[in-house]
Amino acid sequence: MVSLQMATVLNSVSPLTVPRSNSLDSTPRNLSTKAFAVPRREAISLILSTSIFSGIGLPNVVLAQPSVGLREYIDSFDGYSFQYPQNWIQVRGAGADIFFRDPYVLDENISVELSSPSSSKYKSVEDLGPPEEAGKKVLKQYLTEFMSTRLGVRREASVLSTSSRVADDGRMYYQVEVNIKSYANNNELAVMPQDRVARLEWDRRYLSVLGVENNQLYELRLQTPENVFVEEEYDLRQVMDSFRVNKVSA
């Protein structure tokens, strides 16, 4: 009976679509994407909705967590490519060269930052020093960006890991993982210290991949809540490993 009700609801739900936008950037680019699989959250949400609509609990059913499909983004104008979850949407005007985010978990996103070729000339990612030094610079940059002027706000941050690898393109890449927690007092204007209780606002993991080409430093940035990272670690590491920088023709 449960199976029949689930099938009936699933057949009655129209396909979900992800909105597509036209670029605001007037610079001509050769960009392409490739899709591979059905989004995980959409499939799971349909199954959960079926259970709710039927009014029958499924205590003995364990929902599988299949790997989410990935889509490839190629920017031949700026010289980089990477894969990202295919159900994520592009956000314009976010300040990065490219920016995608999860439509369901708004704190989860991916972006790419490029250094200005006129301000510095990079020959190799090793110009940043060893991975440990690069990790400290990445952490400092994040803390600068998240600096708050609100009273009673404090941040706890740490570098979780740093590493280097030579990818199949022969280039060296650095990988940096950072955790940042934000705390805020529930009553920052209270006179007595015991009335100012610090509560956790958010707890996020930041994953950076650094590469150098075209005399520029490229940084792939992944942001995700720590509890989501536990669930999606395999997919997110696939995204990190997919990042490549490429020579741009003059």
C-alpha atoms as a PDB file:
ATOM      1  CA  MET A   1       0.000   0.000   0.000  1.00  0.00           C
ATOM      2  CA  VAL A   2       2.863   2.385   0.875  1.00  0.00           C
ATOM      3  CA  SER A   3       4.604   1.603  -2.406  1.00  0.00           C
ATOM      4  CA  LEU A   4       1.394   2.269  -4.363  1.00  0.00           C
ATOM      5  CA  GLN A   5       0.852   5.618  -2.597  1.00  0.00           C
ATOM      6  CA  MET A   6       4.474   6.667  -3.147  1.00  0.00           C
ATOM      7  CA  ALA A   7       4.290   5.786  -6.851  1.00  0.00           C
ATOM      8  CA  THR A   8       1.018   7.707  -7.251  1.00  0.00           C
ATOM      9  CA  VAL A   9       2.442  10.884  -5.647  1.00  0.00           C
ATOM     10  CA  LEU A  10       5.727  10.696  -7.544  1.00  0.00           C
ATOM     11  CA  ASN A  11       3.884  10.316 -10.864  1.00  0.00           C
ATOM     12  CA  SER A  12       1.714  13.345 -10.054  1.00  0.00           C
ATOM     13  CA  VAL A  13       4.635  15.690  -9.311  1.00  0.00           C
ATOM     14  CA  SER A  14       5.825  17.722 -12.290  1.00  0.00           C
ATOM     15  CA  PRO A  15       9.568  17.720 -13.079  1.00  0.00           C
ATOM     16  CA  LEU A  16      11.665  20.220 -11.150  1.00  0.00           C
ATOM     17  CA  THR A  17      13.640  22.723 -13.160  1.00  0.00           C
ATOM     18  CA  VAL A  18      16.566  24.945 -12.305  1.00  0.00           C
ATOM     19  CA  PRO A  19      16.395  28.533 -13.635  1.00  0.00           C
ATOM     20  CA  ARG A  20      19.044  29.591 -16.091  1.00  0.00           C
ATOM     21  CA  SER A  21      20.272  33.137 -16.423  1.00  0.00           C
ATOM     22  CA  ASN A  22      22.026  35.106 -19.147  1.00  0.00           C
ATOM     23  CA  SER A  23      25.404  36.547 -18.251  1.00  0.00           C
ATOM     24  CA  LEU A  24      25.653  40.223 -17.433  1.00  0.00           C
ATOM     25  CA  ASP A  25      29.269  40.221 -18.519  1.00  0.00           C
ATOM     26  CA  SER A  26      29.554  41.696 -21.990  1.00  0.00           C
ATOM     27  CA  THR A  27      32.976  40.121 -22.564  1.00  0.00           C
ATOM     28  CA  PRO A  28      32.637  37.203 -25.038  1.00  0.00           C
ATOM     29  CA  ARG A  29      33.484  33.904 -23.415  1.00  0.00           C
ATOM     30  CA  ASN A  30      33.552  30.295 -24.499  1.00  0.00           C
ATOM     31  CA  LEU A  31      31.730  28.626 -21.616  1.00  0.00           C
ATOM     32  CA  SER A  32      30.255  25.126 -21.560  1.00  0.00           C
ATOM     33  CA  THR A  33      28.575  22.787 -19.104  1.00  0.00           C
ATOM     34  CA  LYS A  34      27.996  19.019 -19.030  1.00  0.00           C
ATOM     35  CA  ALA A  35      25.299  17.318 -16.902  1.00  0.00           C
ATOM     36  CA  PHE A  36      25.542  13.764 -15.637  1.00  0.00           C
ATOM     37  CA  ALA A  37      22.904  12.683 -13.035  1.00  0.00           C
ATOM     38  CA  VAL A  38      19.687  13.481 -11.165  1.00  0.00           C
ATOM     39  CA  PRO A  39      20.081  15.961  -8.236  1.00  0.00           C
ATOM     40  CA  ARG A  40      20.187  14.121  -4.915  1.00  0.00           C
ATOM     41  CA  ARG A  41      18.150  16.527  -2.800  1.00  0.00           C
ATOM     42  CA  GLU A  42      15.298  16.676  -5.311  1.00  0.00           C
ATOM     43  CA  ALA A  43      14.913  12.883  -5.405  1.00  0.00           C
ATOM     44  CA  ILE A  44      15.093  12.588  -1.621  1.00  0.00           C
ATOM     45  CA  SER A  45      12.643  15.448  -1.060  1.00  0.00           C
ATOM     46  CA  LEU A  46      10.098  13.725  -3.317  1.00  0.00           C
ATOM     47  CA  ILE A  47      10.386  10.487  -1.353  1.00  0.00           C
ATOM     48  CA  LEU A  48      10.024  12.319   1.958  1.00  0.00           C
ATOM     49  CA  SER A  49       7.036  14.246   0.649  1.00  0.00           C
ATOM     50  CA  THR A  50       5.401  10.976  -0.375  1.00  0.00           C
ATOM     51  CA  SER A  51       5.770   9.635   3.145  1.00  0.00           C
ATOM     52  CA  ILE A  52       4.214  12.786   4.609  1.00  0.00           C
ATOM     53  CA  PHE A  53       1.320  12.836   2.158  1.00  0.00           C
ATOM     54  CA  SER A  54       0.486   9.180   2.759  1.00  0.00           C
ATOM     55  CA  GLY A  55       0.337   9.694   6.539  1.00  0.00           C
ATOM     56  CA  ILE A  56       2.199   6.410   7.033  1.00  0.00           C
ATOM     57  CA  GLY A  57       5.599   6.349   8.732  1.00  0.00           C
ATOM     58  CA  LEU A  58       8.449   4.329   7.230  1.00  0.00           C
ATOM     59  CA  PRO A  59      10.556   3.457  10.290  1.00  0.00           C
ATOM     60  CA  ASN A  60      12.322   0.518   8.647  1.00  0.00           C
ATOM     61  CA  VAL A  61      13.205   2.274   5.398  1.00  0.00           C
ATOM     62  CA  VAL A  62      16.695   3.720   5.028  1.00  0.00           C
ATOM     63  CA  LEU A  63      17.089   6.345   2.321  1.00  0.00           C
ATOM     64  CA  ALA A  64      20.217   5.894   0.254  1.00  0.00           C
ATOM     65  CA  GLN A  65      22.528   8.856  -0.293  1.00  0.00           C
ATOM     66  CA  PRO A  66      23.686   8.530  -3.915  1.00  0.00           C
ATOM     67  CA  SER A  67      26.441  10.734  -5.236  1.00  0.00           C
ATOM     68  CA  VAL A  68      25.088  13.979  -6.649  1.00  0.00           C
ATOM     69  CA  GLY A  69      25.538  14.605 -10.354  1.00  0.00           C
ATOM     70  CA  LEU A  70      28.264  17.031 -11.406  1.00  0.00           C
ATOM     71  CA  ARG A  71      28.349  19.545 -14.225  1.00  0.00           C
ATOM     72  CA  GLU A  72      31.510  20.994 -15.725  1.00  0.00           C
ATOM     73  CA  TYR A  73      32.105  24.724 -15.993  1.00  0.00           C
ATOM     74  CA  ILE A  74      34.783  25.824 -18.474  1.00  0.00           C
ATOM     75  CA  ASP A  75      35.998  29.414 -18.746  1.00  0.00           C
ATOM     76  CA  SER A  76      38.399  29.485 -21.684  1.00  0.00           C
ATOM     77  CA  PHE A  77      38.591  33.294 -21.552  1.00  0.00           C
ATOM     78  CA  ASP A  78      40.115  33.441 -18.047  1.00  0.00           C
ATOM     79  CA  GLY A  79      41.663  29.978 -18.192  1.00  0.00           C
ATOM     80  CA  TYR A  80      40.110  27.628 -15.622  1.00  0.00           C
ATOM     81  CA  SER A  81      37.572  24.838 -15.256  1.00  0.00           C
ATOM     82  CA  PHE A  82      35.922  22.836 -12.488  1.00  0.00           C
ATOM     83  CA  GLN A  83      32.936  20.631 -11.746  1.00  0.00           C
ATOM     84  CA  TYR A  84      30.077  21.603  -9.444  1.00  0.00           C
ATOM     85  CA  PRO A  85      26.805  19.973  -8.276  1.00  0.00           C
ATOM     86  CA  GLN A  86      24.443  20.121 -11.226  1.00  0.00           C
ATOM     87  CA  ASN A  87      21.451  21.425  -9.267  1.00  0.00           C
ATOM     88  CA  TRP A  88      23.351  24.488  -7.974  1.00  0.00           C
ATOM     89  CA  ILE A  89      22.423  27.816  -9.540  1.00  0.00           C
ATOM     90  CA  GLN A  90      24.623  30.655 -10.749  1.00  0.00           C
ATOM     91  CA  VAL A  91      24.414  33.964  -8.884  1.00  0.00           C
ATOM     92  CA  ARG A  92      25.317  37.181 -10.691  1.00  0.00           C
ATOM     93  CA  GLY A  93      26.956  40.177  -9.069  1.00  0.00           C
ATOM     94  CA  ALA A  94      28.450  38.205  -6.168  1.00  0.00           C
ATOM     95  CA  GLY A  95      31.860  39.855  -6.580  1.00  0.00           C
ATOM     96  CA  ALA A  96      33.675  36.703  -7.726  1.00  0.00           C
ATOM     97  CA  ASP A  97      34.651  35.746 -11.261  1.00  0.00           C
ATOM     98  CA  ILE A  98      32.005  33.013 -11.091  1.00  0.00           C
ATOM     99  CA  PHE A  99      29.655  32.022  -8.265  1.00  0.00           C
ATOM    100  CA  PHE A 100      27.278  29.077  -7.799  1.00  0.00           C
ATOM    101  CA  ARG A 101      25.206  28.185  -4.727  1.00  0.00           C
ATOM    102  CA  ASP A 102      22.995  25.400  -3.487  1.00  0.00           C
ATOM    103  CA  PRO A 103      19.336  26.450  -3.922  1.00  0.00           C
ATOM    104  CA  TYR A 104      18.367  24.578  -0.731  1.00  0.00           C
ATOM    105  CA  VAL A 105      21.317  25.198   1.613  1.00  0.00           C
ATOM    106  CA  LEU A 106      21.969  28.900   1.110  1.00  0.00           C
ATOM    107  CA  ASP A 107      25.236  28.856   3.078  1.00  0.00           C
ATOM    108  CA  GLU A 108      26.724  26.360   0.619  1.00  0.00           C
ATOM    109  CA  ASN A 109      28.413  27.810  -2.447  1.00  0.00           C
ATOM    110  CA  ILE A 110      31.405  27.736  -4.764  1.00  0.00           C
ATOM    111  CA  SER A 111      33.307  30.584  -6.400  1.00  0.00           C
ATOM    112  CA  VAL A 112      36.544  31.369  -8.215  1.00  0.00           C
ATOM    113  CA  GLU A 113      38.777  34.357  -7.477  1.00  0.00           C
ATOM    114  CA  LEU A 114      41.584  35.613  -9.737  1.00  0.00           C
ATOM    115  CA  SER A 115      44.451  37.898  -8.839  1.00  0.00           C
ATOM    116  CA  SER A 116      45.072  40.963 -10.964  1.00  0.00           C
ATOM    117  CA  PRO A 117      47.908  40.368 -13.463  1.00  0.00           C
ATOM    118  CA  SER A 118      48.914  44.011 -13.124  1.00  0.00           C
ATOM    119  CA  SER A 119      49.427  43.900  -9.342  1.00  0.00           C
ATOM    120  CA  SER A 120      51.541  40.755  -9.080  1.00  0.00           C
ATOM    121  CA  LYS A 121      53.226  38.147 -11.248  1.00  0.00           C
ATOM    122  CA  TYR A 122      52.986  34.524 -10.149  1.00  0.00           C
ATOM    123  CA  LYS A 123      55.196  31.856 -11.693  1.00  0.00           C
ATOM    124  CA  SER A 124      54.099  28.970  -9.482  1.00  0.00           C
ATOM    125  CA  VAL A 125      51.814  28.322  -6.538  1.00  0.00           C
ATOM    126  CA  GLU A 126      55.027  27.805  -4.601  1.00  0.00           C
ATOM    127  CA  ASP A 127      55.465  31.599  -4.711  1.00  0.00           C
ATOM    128  CA  LEU A 128      53.051  31.554  -1.744  1.00  0.00           C
ATOM    129  CA  GLY A 129      55.553  29.524   0.253  1.00  0.00           C
ATOM    130  CA  PRO A 130      54.905  25.965   1.474  1.00  0.00           C
ATOM    131  CA  PRO A 131      51.279  24.802   1.859  1.00  0.00           C
ATOM    132  CA  GLU A 132      51.338  25.642   5.577  1.00  0.00           C
ATOM    133  CA  GLU A 133      52.188  29.284   4.843  1.00  0.00           C
ATOM    134  CA  ALA A 134      49.538  29.416   2.135  1.00  0.00           C
ATOM    135  CA  GLY A 135      47.025  28.082   4.659  1.00  0.00           C
ATOM    136  CA  LYS A 136      47.772  30.925   7.069  1.00  0.00           C
ATOM    137  CA  LYS A 137      47.285  33.470   4.269  1.00  0.00           C
ATOM    138  CA  VAL A 138      43.977  31.901   3.242  1.00  0.00           C
ATOM    139  CA  LEU A 139      42.719  31.946   6.834  1.00  0.00           C
ATOM    140  CA  LYS A 140      43.767  35.573   7.287  1.00  0.00           C
ATOM    141  CA  GLN A 141      41.945  36.543   4.110  1.00  0.00           C
ATOM    142  CA  TYR A 142      38.745  34.828   5.227  1.00  0.00           C
ATOM    143  CA  LEU A 143      38.839  36.503   8.638  1.00  0.00           C
ATOM    144  CA  THR A 144      39.373  39.877   6.984  1.00  0.00           C
ATOM    145  CA  GLU A 145      36.348  39.347   4.770  1.00  0.00           C
ATOM    146  CA  PHE A 146      34.169  38.223   7.694  1.00  0.00           C
ATOM    147  CA  MET A 147      35.194  41.049  10.009  1.00  0.00           C
ATOM    148  CA  SER A 148      32.126  42.324  11.838  1.00  0.00           C
ATOM    149  CA  THR A 149      31.414  45.681  13.462  1.00  0.00           C
ATOM    150  CA  ARG A 150      28.584  44.254  15.566  1.00  0.00           C
ATOM    151  CA  LEU A 151      29.050  44.309  19.320  1.00  0.00           C
ATOM    152  CA  GLY A 152      29.503  40.970  21.024  1.00  0.00           C
ATOM    153  CA  VAL A 153      30.591  39.053  17.928  1.00  0.00           C
ATOM    154  CA  ARG A 154      33.670  36.870  17.983  1.00  0.00           C
ATOM    155  CA  ARG A 155      35.081  34.338  15.564  1.00  0.00           C
ATOM    156  CA  GLU A 156      37.001  31.142  16.229  1.00  0.00           C
ATOM    157  CA  ALA A 157      39.078  29.934  13.305  1.00  0.00           C
ATOM    158  CA  SER A 158      41.649  27.273  12.576  1.00  0.00           C
ATOM    159  CA  VAL A 159      43.438  25.715   9.629  1.00  0.00           C
ATOM    160  CA  LEU A 160      42.335  22.073   9.540  1.00  0.00           C
ATOM    161  CA  SER A 161      44.710  20.842   6.847  1.00  0.00           C
ATOM    162  CA  THR A 162      47.029  21.935   4.044  1.00  0.00           C
ATOM    163  CA  SER A 163      48.452  19.854   1.223  1.00  0.00           C
ATOM    164  CA  SER A 164      49.923  20.009  -2.268  1.00  0.00           C
ATOM    165  CA  ARG A 165      49.369  17.781  -5.267  1.00  0.00           C
ATOM    166  CA  VAL A 166      50.419  17.549  -8.876  1.00  0.00           C
ATOM    167  CA  ALA A 167      47.344  17.026 -11.039  1.00  0.00           C
ATOM    168  CA  ASP A 168      47.072  15.211 -14.349  1.00  0.00           C
ATOM    169  CA  ASP A 169      47.854  18.489 -16.157  1.00  0.00           C
ATOM    170  CA  GLY A 170      51.326  18.520 -14.585  1.00  0.00           C
ATOM    171  CA  ARG A 171      50.630  21.621 -12.489  1.00  0.00           C
ATOM    172  CA  MET A 172      50.964  21.859  -8.729  1.00  0.00           C
ATOM    173  CA  TYR A 173      47.939  22.846  -6.674  1.00  0.00           C
ATOM    174  CA  TYR A 174      47.621  23.683  -2.981  1.00  0.00           C
ATOM    175  CA  GLN A 175      44.575  22.616  -0.983  1.00  0.00           C
ATOM    176  CA  VAL A 176      43.602  24.368   2.248  1.00  0.00           C
ATOM    177  CA  GLU A 177      40.774  23.495   4.656  1.00  0.00           C
ATOM    178  CA  VAL A 178      39.649  26.022   7.241  1.00  0.00           C
ATOM    179  CA  ASN A 179      36.953  25.993   9.924  1.00  0.00           C
ATOM    180  CA  ILE A 180      35.384  29.231  11.174  1.00  0.00           C
ATOM    181  CA  LYS A 181      32.774  29.525  13.912  1.00  0.00           C
ATOM    182  CA  SER A 182      30.877  32.736  14.626  1.00  0.00           C
ATOM    183  CA  TYR A 183      29.487  33.537  18.090  1.00  0.00           C
ATOM    184  CA  ALA A 184      27.250  36.431  19.082  1.00  0.00           C
ATOM    185  CA  ASN A 185      25.946  37.569  22.452  1.00  0.00           C
ATOM    186  CA  ASN A 186      22.203  37.229  22.928  1.00  0.00           C
ATOM    187  CA  ASN A 187      22.161  40.658  24.631  1.00  0.00           C
ATOM    188  CA  GLU A 188      25.264  42.623  23.705  1.00  0.00           C
ATOM    189  CA  LEU A 189      24.062  45.767  25.500  1.00  0.00           C
ATOM    190  CA  ALA A 190      23.598  44.056  28.866  1.00  0.00           C
ATOM    191  CA  VAL A 191      25.602  45.592  31.719  1.00  0.00           C
ATOM    192  CA  MET A 192      26.294  42.382  33.630  1.00  0.00           C
ATOM    193  CA  PRO A 193      28.597  39.817  31.991  1.00  0.00           C
ATOM    194  CA  GLN A 194      26.333  36.923  32.973  1.00  0.00           C
ATOM    195  CA  ASP A 195      23.569  38.496  30.919  1.00  0.00           C
ATOM    196  CA  ARG A 196      25.717  38.441  27.785  1.00  0.00           C
ATOM    197  CA  VAL A 197      25.603  34.806  26.700  1.00  0.00           C
ATOM    198  CA  ALA A 198      27.536  33.953  23.552  1.00  0.00           C
ATOM    199  CA  ARG A 199      25.659  31.637  21.206  1.00  0.00           C
ATOM    200  CA  LEU A 200      26.877  29.890  18.072  1.00  0.00           C
ATOM    201  CA  GLU A 201      25.608  31.676  14.942  1.00  0.00           C
ATOM    202  CA  TRP A 202      27.196  29.462  12.337  1.00  0.00           C
ATOM    203  CA  ASP A 203      29.876  26.809  11.924  1.00  0.00           C
ATOM    204  CA  ARG A 204      31.336  26.490   8.420  1.00  0.00           C
ATOM    205  CA  ARG A 205      34.099  24.768   6.548  1.00  0.00           C
ATOM    206  CA  TYR A 206      35.992  26.574   3.808  1.00  0.00           C
ATOM    207  CA  LEU A 207      37.853  24.566   1.180  1.00  0.00           C
ATOM    208  CA  SER A 208      40.322  26.366  -1.097  1.00  0.00           C
ATOM    209  CA  VAL A 209      42.281  25.105  -4.083  1.00  0.00           C
ATOM    210  CA  LEU A 210      45.091  27.361  -5.292  1.00  0.00           C
ATOM    211  CA  GLY A 211      46.739  27.227  -8.703  1.00  0.00           C
ATOM    212  CA  VAL A 212      48.897  29.496 -10.847  1.00  0.00           C
ATOM    213  CA  GLU A 213      48.817  30.108 -14.599  1.00  0.00           C
ATOM    214  CA  ASN A 214      48.977  33.144 -16.904  1.00  0.00           C
ATOM    215  CA  ASN A 215      50.977  34.955 -14.167  1.00  0.00           C
ATOM    216  CA  GLN A 216      47.809  34.898 -12.027  1.00  0.00           C
ATOM    217  CA  LEU A 217      46.811  33.194  -8.805  1.00  0.00           C
ATOM    218  CA  TYR A 218      43.529  31.285  -9.095  1.00  0.00           C
ATOM    219  CA  GLU A 219      41.536  30.231  -6.036  1.00  0.00           C
ATOM    220  CA  LEU A 220      38.574  27.876  -6.057  1.00  0.00           C
ATOM    221  CA  ARG A 221      36.509  28.437  -2.902  1.00  0.00           C
ATOM    222  CA  LEU A 222      33.960  26.069  -1.421  1.00  0.00           C
ATOM    223  CA  GLN A 223      31.863  27.106   1.568  1.00  0.00           C
ATOM    224  CA  THR A 224      29.603  24.657   3.408  1.00  0.00           C
ATOM    225  CA  PRO A 225      28.121  24.281   6.906  1.00  0.00           C
ATOM    226  CA  GLU A 226      30.053  21.687   8.909  1.00  0.00           C
ATOM    227  CA  ASN A 227      27.018  19.432   9.345  1.00  0.00           C
ATOM    228  CA  VAL A 228      26.424  19.455   5.579  1.00  0.00           C
ATOM    229  CA  PHE A 229      30.094  18.766   4.886  1.00  0.00           C
ATOM    230  CA  VAL A 230      29.818  15.501   6.815  1.00  0.00           C
ATOM    231  CA  GLU A 231      27.050  14.380   4.459  1.00  0.00           C
ATOM    232  CA  GLU A 232      28.554  15.676   1.214  1.00  0.00           C
ATOM    233  CA  GLU A 233      32.298  15.291   1.772  1.00  0.00           C
ATOM    234  CA  TYR A 234      32.784  12.831  -1.100  1.00  0.00           C
ATOM    235  CA  ASP A 235      31.079  15.119  -3.633  1.00  0.00           C
ATOM    236  CA  LEU A 236      32.860  18.253  -2.404  1.00  0.00           C
ATOM    237  CA  ARG A 237      36.265  16.600  -2.626  1.00  0.00           C
ATOM    238  CA  GLN A 238      35.454  15.592  -6.179  1.00  0.00           C
ATOM    239  CA  VAL A 239      34.785  19.262  -6.910  1.00  0.00           C
ATOM    240  CA  MET A 240      38.124  20.250  -5.353  1.00  0.00           C
ATOM    241  CA  ASP A 241      40.026  17.636  -7.348  1.00  0.00           C
ATOM    242  CA  SER A 242      38.405  18.779 -10.599  1.00  0.00           C
ATOM    243  CA  PHE A 243      39.793  22.333 -10.499  1.00  0.00           C
ATOM    244  CA  ARG A 244      42.243  23.095 -13.326  1.00  0.00           C
ATOM    245  CA  VAL A 245      43.934  26.256 -14.574  1.00  0.00           C
ATOM    246  CA  ASN A 246      44.766  26.588 -18.245  1.00  0.00           C
ATOM    247  CA  LYS A 247      47.004  28.649 -20.470  1.00  0.00           C
ATOM    248  CA  VAL A 248      45.163  31.491 -22.178  1.00  0.00           C
ATOM    249  CA  SER A 249      46.117  32.308 -25.742  1.00  0.00           C
ATOM    250  CA  ALA A 250      47.403  35.836 -26.164  1.00  0.00           C
END
